[in-house]
PDB file of N, CA and C in Angstrom:
ATOM      1  N   MET A   1       0.849  -1.163   0.000  1.00  0.00           N
ATOM      2  CA  MET A   1       0.000   0.000   0.000  1.00  0.00           C
ATOM      3  C   MET A   1       0.901   1.233   0.000  1.00  0.00           C
ATOM      4  N   THR A   2       0.563   2.162  -0.844  1.00  0.00           N
ATOM      5  CA  THR A   2       1.378   3.374  -0.922  1.00  0.00           C
ATOM      6  C   THR A   2       0.991   4.325   0.196  1.00  0.00           C
ATOM      7  N   GLU A   3       1.807   5.328   0.326  1.00  0.00           N
ATOM      8  CA  GLU A   3       1.586   6.326   1.385  1.00  0.00           C
ATOM      9  C   GLU A   3       0.261   7.063   1.173  1.00  0.00           C
ATOM     10  N   ILE A   4      -0.080   7.341  -0.069  1.00  0.00           N
ATOM     11  CA  ILE A   4      -1.324   8.044  -0.387  1.00  0.00           C
ATOM     12  C   ILE A   4      -2.518   7.161  -0.055  1.00  0.00           C
ATOM     13  N   GLU A   5      -2.442   5.883  -0.423  1.00  0.00           N
ATOM     14  CA  GLU A   5      -3.537   4.961  -0.120  1.00  0.00           C
ATOM     15  C   GLU A   5      -3.712   4.800   1.384  1.00  0.00           C
ATOM     16  N   SER A   6      -2.592   4.747   2.086  1.00  0.00           N
ATOM     17  CA  SER A   6      -2.622   4.617   3.543  1.00  0.00           C
ATOM     18  C   SER A   6      -3.277   5.847   4.184  1.00  0.00           C
ATOM     19  N   ALA A   7      -2.930   7.006   3.721  1.00  0.00           N
ATOM     20  CA  ALA A   7      -3.505   8.242   4.242  1.00  0.00           C
ATOM     21  C   ALA A   7      -5.005   8.300   3.934  1.00  0.00           C
ATOM     22  N   LYS A   8      -5.360   7.847   2.718  1.00  0.00           N
ATOM     23  CA  LYS A   8      -6.763   7.831   2.335  1.00  0.00           C
ATOM     24  C   LYS A   8      -7.547   6.877   3.234  1.00  0.00           C
ATOM     25  N   ALA A   9      -7.005   5.714   3.527  1.00  0.00           N
ATOM     26  CA  ALA A   9      -7.669   4.729   4.381  1.00  0.00           C
ATOM     27  C   ALA A   9      -7.851   5.289   5.799  1.00  0.00           C
ATOM     28  N   ARG A  10      -6.818   5.950   6.320  1.00  0.00           N
ATOM     29  CA  ARG A  10      -6.922   6.563   7.660  1.00  0.00           C
ATOM     30  C   ARG A  10      -7.998   7.645   7.671  1.00  0.00           C
ATOM     31  N   ALA A  11      -8.040   8.457   6.626  1.00  0.00           N
ATOM     32  CA  ALA A  11      -9.031   9.536   6.544  1.00  0.00           C
ATOM     33  C   ALA A  11     -10.451   8.966   6.473  1.00  0.00           C
ATOM     34  N   GLU A  12     -10.629   7.893   5.687  1.00  0.00           N
ATOM     35  CA  GLU A  12     -11.946   7.268   5.589  1.00  0.00           C
ATOM     36  C   GLU A  12     -12.369   6.660   6.925  1.00  0.00           C
ATOM     37  N   ALA A  13     -11.439   6.014   7.603  1.00  0.00           N
ATOM     38  CA  ALA A  13     -11.744   5.424   8.905  1.00  0.00           C
ATOM     39  C   ALA A  13     -12.116   6.505   9.912  1.00  0.00           C
ATOM     40  N   SER A  14     -11.391   7.606   9.880  1.00  0.00           N
ATOM     41  CA  SER A  14     -11.681   8.724  10.777  1.00  0.00           C
ATOM     42  C   SER A  14     -13.059   9.305  10.479  1.00  0.00           C
ATOM     43  N   PHE A  15     -13.362   9.436   9.190  1.00  0.00           N
ATOM     44  CA  PHE A  15     -14.653   9.970   8.779  1.00  0.00           C
ATOM     45  C   PHE A  15     -15.792   9.059   9.241  1.00  0.00           C
ATOM     46  N   LYS A  16     -15.616   7.745   9.082  1.00  0.00           N
ATOM     47  CA  LYS A  16     -16.636   6.791   9.504  1.00  0.00           C
ATOM     48  C   LYS A  16     -16.850   6.843  11.018  1.00  0.00           C
ATOM     49  N   ARG A  17     -15.770   6.964  11.784  1.00  0.00           N
ATOM     50  CA  ARG A  17     -15.888   7.080  13.243  1.00  0.00           C
ATOM     51  C   ARG A  17     -16.667   8.329  13.623  1.00  0.00           C
ATOM     52  N   LYS A  18     -16.366   9.425  12.960  1.00  0.00           N
ATOM     53  CA  LYS A  18     -17.064  10.680  13.259  1.00  0.00           C
ATOM     54  C   LYS A  18     -18.537  10.610  12.876  1.00  0.00           C
ATOM     55  N   GLU A  19     -18.844   9.956  11.760  1.00  0.00           N
ATOM     56  CA  GLU A  19     -20.245   9.776  11.368  1.00  0.00           C
ATOM     57  C   GLU A  19     -20.985   8.945  12.410  1.00  0.00           C
ATOM     58  N   GLU A  20     -20.357   7.853  12.860  1.00  0.00           N
ATOM     59  CA  GLU A  20     -20.975   6.986  13.868  1.00  0.00           C
ATOM     60  C   GLU A  20     -21.188   7.756  15.178  1.00  0.00           C
ATOM     61  N   GLN A  21     -20.218   8.538  15.576  1.00  0.00           N
ATOM     62  CA  GLN A  21     -20.357   9.345  16.794  1.00  0.00           C
ATOM     63  C   GLN A  21     -21.504  10.337  16.651  1.00  0.00           C
ATOM     64  N   ALA A  22     -21.653  10.920  15.475  1.00  0.00           N
ATOM     65  CA  ALA A  22     -22.735  11.879  15.248  1.00  0.00           C
ATOM     66  C   ALA A  22     -24.090  11.180  15.340  1.00  0.00           C
ATOM     67  N   ARG A  23     -24.203   9.976  14.754  1.00  0.00           N
ATOM     68  CA  ARG A  23     -25.458   9.217  14.836  1.00  0.00           C
ATOM     69  C   ARG A  23     -25.773   8.852  16.282  1.00  0.00           C
ATOM     70  N   GLU A  24     -24.762   8.369  17.005  1.00  0.00           N
ATOM     71  CA  GLU A  24     -24.973   7.997  18.404  1.00  0.00           C
ATOM     72  C   GLU A  24     -25.353   9.216  19.244  1.00  0.00           C
ATOM     73  N   GLY A  25     -24.727  10.339  18.951  1.00  0.00           N
ATOM     74  CA  GLY A  25     -25.049  11.572  19.669  1.00  0.00           C
ATOM     75  C   GLY A  25     -26.480  12.013  19.426  1.00  0.00           C
ATOM     76  N   ALA A  26     -26.922  11.927  18.192  1.00  0.00           N
ATOM     77  CA  ALA A  26     -28.304  12.312  17.863  1.00  0.00           C
ATOM     78  C   ALA A  26     -29.288  11.372  18.553  1.00  0.00           C
ATOM     79  N   LYS A  27     -28.969  10.090  18.568  1.00  0.00           N
ATOM     80  CA  LYS A  27     -29.835   9.109  19.223  1.00  0.00           C
ATOM     81  C   LYS A  27     -29.896   9.375  20.729  1.00  0.00           C
ATOM     82  N   ALA A  28     -28.743   9.636  21.320  1.00  0.00           N
ATOM     83  CA  ALA A  28     -28.699   9.912  22.759  1.00  0.00           C
ATOM     84  C   ALA A  28     -29.487  11.180  23.090  1.00  0.00           C
ATOM     85  N   TRP A  29     -29.377  12.198  22.256  1.00  0.00           N
ATOM     86  CA  TRP A  29     -30.096  13.451  22.488  1.00  0.00           C
ATOM     87  C   TRP A  29     -31.607  13.236  22.414  1.00  0.00           C
ATOM     88  N   THR A  30     -32.043  12.424  21.448  1.00  0.00           N
ATOM     89  CA  THR A  30     -33.462  12.110  21.310  1.00  0.00           C
ATOM     90  C   THR A  30     -33.966  11.374  22.548  1.00  0.00           C
ATOM     91  N   GLU A  31     -33.200  10.394  23.011  1.00  0.00           N
ATOM     92  CA  GLU A  31     -33.581   9.644  24.209  1.00  0.00           C
ATOM     93  C   GLU A  31     -33.642  10.570  25.430  1.00  0.00           C
ATOM     94  N   TYR A  32     -32.688  11.482  25.523  1.00  0.00           N
ATOM     95  CA  TYR A  32     -32.649  12.429  26.632  1.00  0.00           C
ATOM     96  C   TYR A  32     -33.900  13.313  26.632  1.00  0.00           C
ATOM     97  N   GLN A  33     -34.278  13.797  25.458  1.00  0.00           N
ATOM     98  CA  GLN A  33     -35.465  14.639  25.352  1.00  0.00           C
ATOM     99  C   GLN A  33     -36.729  13.853  25.688  1.00  0.00           C
ATOM    100  N   GLU A  34     -36.814  12.597  25.231  1.00  0.00           N
ATOM    101  CA  GLU A  34     -37.979  11.764  25.536  1.00  0.00           C
ATOM    102  C   GLU A  34     -38.094  11.524  27.039  1.00  0.00           C
ATOM    103  N   GLN A  35     -36.976  11.266  27.684  1.00  0.00           N
ATOM    104  CA  GLN A  35     -36.987  11.066  29.134  1.00  0.00           C
ATOM    105  C   GLN A  35     -37.429  12.330  29.852  1.00  0.00           C
ATOM    106  N   GLY A  36     -36.986  13.479  29.361  1.00  0.00           N
ATOM    107  CA  GLY A  36     -37.396  14.744  29.953  1.00  0.00           C
ATOM    108  C   GLY A  36     -38.890  14.975  29.837  1.00  0.00           C
ATOM    109  N   ARG A  37     -39.432  14.666  28.655  1.00  0.00           N
ATOM    110  CA  ARG A  37     -40.879  14.806  28.453  1.00  0.00           C
ATOM    111  C   ARG A  37     -41.649  13.850  29.357  1.00  0.00           C
ATOM    112  N   ALA A  38     -41.178  12.607  29.453  1.00  0.00           N
ATOM    113  CA  ALA A  38     -41.861  11.623  30.299  1.00  0.00           C
ATOM    114  C   ALA A  38     -41.828  12.054  31.759  1.00  0.00           C
ATOM    115  N   GLU A  39     -40.697  12.583  32.194  1.00  0.00           N
ATOM    116  CA  GLU A  39     -40.575  13.049  33.573  1.00  0.00           C
ATOM    117  C   GLU A  39     -41.500  14.239  33.828  1.00  0.00           C
ATOM    118  N   ALA A  40     -41.590  15.147  32.861  1.00  0.00           N
ATOM    119  CA  ALA A  40     -42.471  16.311  33.014  1.00  0.00           C
ATOM    120  C   ALA A  40     -43.937  15.873  33.082  1.00  0.00           C
ATOM    121  N   GLU A  41     -44.321  14.901  32.245  1.00  0.00           N
ATOM    122  CA  GLU A  41     -45.698  14.399  32.277  1.00  0.00           C
ATOM    123  C   GLU A  41     -46.006  13.722  33.608  1.00  0.00           C
ATOM    124  N   LYS A  42     -45.063  12.939  34.090  1.00  0.00           N
ATOM    125  CA  LYS A  42     -45.256  12.248  35.369  1.00  0.00           C
ATOM    126  C   LYS A  42     -45.367  13.268  36.503  1.00  0.00           C
ATOM    127  N   THR A  43     -44.514  14.270  36.469  1.00  0.00           N
ATOM    128  CA  THR A  43     -44.543  15.302  37.502  1.00  0.00           C
ATOM    129  C   THR A  43     -45.885  16.033  37.488  1.00  0.00           C
ATOM    130  N   GLU A  44     -46.378  16.352  36.298  1.00  0.00           N
ATOM    131  CA  GLU A  44     -47.666  17.049  36.185  1.00  0.00           C
ATOM    132  C   GLU A  44     -48.796  16.172  36.716  1.00  0.00           C
ATOM    133  N   ARG A  45     -48.769  14.878  36.382  1.00  0.00           N
ATOM    134  CA  ARG A  45     -49.806  13.965  36.856  1.00  0.00           C
ATOM    135  C   ARG A  45     -49.777  13.863  38.383  1.00  0.00           C
ATOM    136  N   LEU A  46     -48.582  13.714  38.937  1.00  0.00           N
ATOM    137  CA  LEU A  46     -48.464  13.615  40.391  1.00  0.00           C
ATOM    138  C   LEU A  46     -48.877  14.919  41.075  1.00  0.00           C
ATOM    139  N   ARG A  47     -48.549  16.040  40.464  1.00  0.00           N
ATOM    140  CA  ARG A  47     -48.937  17.339  41.026  1.00  0.00           C
ATOM    141  C   ARG A  47     -50.461  17.474  41.053  1.00  0.00           C
ATOM    142  N   ALA A  48     -51.103  17.046  39.960  1.00  0.00           N
ATOM    143  CA  ALA A  48     -52.565  17.116  39.893  1.00  0.00           C
ATOM    144  C   ALA A  48     -53.192  16.230  40.970  1.00  0.00           C
ATOM    145  N   LEU A  49     -52.632  15.054  41.159  1.00  0.00           N
ATOM    146  CA  LEU A  49     -53.145  14.168  42.209  1.00  0.00           C
ATOM    147  C   LEU A  49     -52.965  14.784  43.598  1.00  0.00           C
ATOM    148  N   ARG A  50     -51.799  15.366  43.821  1.00  0.00           N
ATOM    149  CA  ARG A  50     -51.534  15.983  45.126  1.00  0.00           C
ATOM    150  C   ARG A  50     -52.480  17.143  45.369  1.00  0.00           C
ATOM    151  N   LEU A  51     -52.682  17.981  44.353  1.00  0.00           N
ATOM    152  CA  LEU A  51     -53.578  19.126  44.520  1.00  0.00           C
ATOM    153  C   LEU A  51     -55.019  18.676  44.757  1.00  0.00           C
ATOM    154  N   ALA A  52     -55.435  17.619  44.070  1.00  0.00           N
ATOM    155  CA  ALA A  52     -56.793  17.101  44.284  1.00  0.00           C
ATOM    156  C   ALA A  52     -56.944  16.578  45.708  1.00  0.00           C
ATOM    157  N   LYS A  53     -55.938  15.882  46.171  1.00  0.00           N
ATOM    158  CA  LYS A  53     -55.978  15.345  47.530  1.00  0.00           C
ATOM    159  C   LYS A  53     -55.995  16.488  48.547  1.00  0.00           C
ATOM    160  N   GLU A  54     -55.153  17.492  48.313  1.00  0.00           N
ATOM    161  CA  GLU A  54     -55.118  18.633  49.227  1.00  0.00           C
ATOM    162  C   GLU A  54     -56.442  19.386  49.219  1.00  0.00           C
ATOM    163  N   ALA A  55     -57.083  19.478  48.073  1.00  0.00           N
ATOM    164  CA  ALA A  55     -58.374  20.169  47.991  1.00  0.00           C
ATOM    165  C   ALA A  55     -59.428  19.435  48.801  1.00  0.00           C
ATOM    166  N   VAL A  56     -59.417  18.119  48.710  1.00  0.00           N
ATOM    167  CA  VAL A  56     -60.364  17.320  49.485  1.00  0.00           C
ATOM    168  C   VAL A  56     -60.085  17.490  50.977  1.00  0.00           C
ATOM    169  N   GLU A  57     -58.818  17.439  51.332  1.00  0.00           N
ATOM    170  CA  GLU A  57     -58.453  17.595  52.740  1.00  0.00           C
ATOM    171  C   GLU A  57     -58.783  18.991  53.248  1.00  0.00           C
ATOM    172  N   ALA A  58     -58.597  20.010  52.415  1.00  0.00           N
ATOM    173  CA  ALA A  58     -58.863  21.387  52.829  1.00  0.00           C
ATOM    174  C   ALA A  58     -60.350  21.616  53.080  1.00  0.00           C
ATOM    175  N   ARG A  59     -61.180  20.920  52.348  1.00  0.00           N
ATOM    176  CA  ARG A  59     -62.617  21.047  52.564  1.00  0.00           C
ATOM    177  C   ARG A  59     -63.061  20.290  53.811  1.00  0.00           C
ATOM    178  N   GLY A  60     -62.137  19.517  54.376  1.00  0.00           N
ATOM    179  CA  GLY A  60     -62.477  18.757  55.569  1.00  0.00           C
ATOM    180  C   GLY A  60     -63.392  17.593  55.263  1.00  0.00           C
ATOM    181  N   VAL A  61     -63.333  17.134  54.048  1.00  0.00           N
ATOM    182  CA  VAL A  61     -64.190  16.044  53.623  1.00  0.00           C
ATOM    183  C   VAL A  61     -63.420  14.742  53.793  1.00  0.00           C
ATOM    184  N   ASP A  62     -64.070  13.779  54.405  1.00  0.00           N
ATOM    185  CA  ASP A  62     -63.470  12.467  54.537  1.00  0.00           C
ATOM    186  C   ASP A  62     -63.439  11.812  53.156  1.00  0.00           C
ATOM    187  N   GLU A  63     -62.500  10.897  52.957  1.00  0.00           N
ATOM    188  CA  GLU A  63     -62.375  10.243  51.659  1.00  0.00           C
ATOM    189  C   GLU A  63     -63.681   9.571  51.254  1.00  0.00           C
ATOM    190  N   LYS A  64     -64.400   9.030  52.198  1.00  0.00           N
ATOM    191  CA  LYS A  64     -65.654   8.329  51.892  1.00  0.00           C
ATOM    192  C   LYS A  64     -66.729   9.298  51.403  1.00  0.00           C
ATOM    193  N   ASP A  65     -66.655  10.555  51.826  1.00  0.00           N
ATOM    194  CA  ASP A  65     -67.644  11.555  51.427  1.00  0.00           C
ATOM    195  C   ASP A  65     -67.299  12.252  50.119  1.00  0.00           C
ATOM    196  N   ALA A  66     -66.097  12.042  49.598  1.00  0.00           N
ATOM    197  CA  ALA A  66     -65.671  12.690  48.356  1.00  0.00           C
ATOM    198  C   ALA A  66     -66.417  12.072  47.182  1.00  0.00           C
ATOM    199  N   PRO A  67     -66.598  12.833  46.123  1.00  0.00           N
ATOM    200  CA  PRO A  67     -67.250  12.276  44.940  1.00  0.00           C
ATOM    201  C   PRO A  67     -66.504  11.040  44.433  1.00  0.00           C
ATOM    202  N   ALA A  68     -67.199  10.197  43.721  1.00  0.00           N
ATOM    203  CA  ALA A  68     -66.643   8.913  43.287  1.00  0.00           C
ATOM    204  C   ALA A  68     -65.344   9.077  42.493  1.00  0.00           C
ATOM    205  N   ALA A  69     -65.284  10.037  41.595  1.00  0.00           N
ATOM    206  CA  ALA A  69     -64.081  10.215  40.775  1.00  0.00           C
ATOM    207  C   ALA A  69     -62.887  10.588  41.642  1.00  0.00           C
ATOM    208  N   GLU A  70     -63.104  11.476  42.620  1.00  0.00           N
ATOM    209  CA  GLU A  70     -62.013  11.860  43.506  1.00  0.00           C
ATOM    210  C   GLU A  70     -61.582  10.682  44.367  1.00  0.00           C
ATOM    211  N   ARG A  71     -62.538   9.887  44.841  1.00  0.00           N
ATOM    212  CA  ARG A  71     -62.192   8.710  45.642  1.00  0.00           C
ATOM    213  C   ARG A  71     -61.320   7.756  44.831  1.00  0.00           C
ATOM    214  N   LYS A  72     -61.710   7.579  43.582  1.00  0.00           N
ATOM    215  CA  LYS A  72     -60.963   6.680  42.719  1.00  0.00           C
ATOM    216  C   LYS A  72     -59.525   7.181  42.540  1.00  0.00           C
ATOM    217  N   ARG A  73     -59.377   8.495  42.291  1.00  0.00           N
ATOM    218  CA  ARG A  73     -58.040   9.072  42.142  1.00  0.00           C
ATOM    219  C   ARG A  73     -57.248   8.960  43.430  1.00  0.00           C
ATOM    220  N   LEU A  74     -57.895   9.199  44.549  1.00  0.00           N
ATOM    221  CA  LEU A  74     -57.203   9.106  45.827  1.00  0.00           C
ATOM    222  C   LEU A  74     -56.737   7.685  46.095  1.00  0.00           C
ATOM    223  N   ARG A  75     -57.569   6.706  45.782  1.00  0.00           N
ATOM    224  CA  ARG A  75     -57.165   5.319  45.982  1.00  0.00           C
ATOM    225  C   ARG A  75     -55.997   4.952  45.101  1.00  0.00           C
ATOM    226  N   ARG A  76     -56.034   5.399  43.844  1.00  0.00           N
ATOM    227  CA  ARG A  76     -54.922   5.122  42.937  1.00  0.00           C
ATOM    228  C   ARG A  76     -53.636   5.750  43.451  1.00  0.00           C
ATOM    229  N   SER A  77     -53.716   6.977  43.906  1.00  0.00           N
ATOM    230  CA  SER A  77     -52.496   7.651  44.366  1.00  0.00           C
ATOM    231  C   SER A  77     -51.970   6.997  45.640  1.00  0.00           C
ATOM    232  N   ALA A  78     -52.839   6.449  46.466  1.00  0.00           N
ATOM    233  CA  ALA A  78     -52.393   5.781  47.677  1.00  0.00           C
ATOM    234  C   ALA A  78     -51.719   4.461  47.361  1.00  0.00           C
ATOM    235  N   GLN A  79     -52.108   3.819  46.256  1.00  0.00           N
ATOM    236  CA  GLN A  79     -51.521   2.538  45.876  1.00  0.00           C
ATOM    237  C   GLN A  79     -50.159   2.706  45.279  1.00  0.00           C
ATOM    238  N   ARG A  80     -49.843   3.824  44.720  1.00  0.00           N
ATOM    239  CA  ARG A  80     -48.548   4.032  44.042  1.00  0.00           C
ATOM    240  C   ARG A  80     -47.503   4.426  44.990  1.00  0.00           C
TER     241      ARG A  80
END
């Protein structure tokens, strides 16, 4: 192999490594963003449950006296 061919092979290998790193980086960034969205959705859901529970407690209403939908949400949140 001549010096030019050797240099060309090294350059191609370097280029392929950089392309692979770019693909992996894009994939990792996408996964990171998806995890962030999932965490934000979970946080919002938990916040809504907490606020609903606090609203029921603030009214001084026992869980048994709360409307059926609120009771159902309260039971679900207690199980988690």
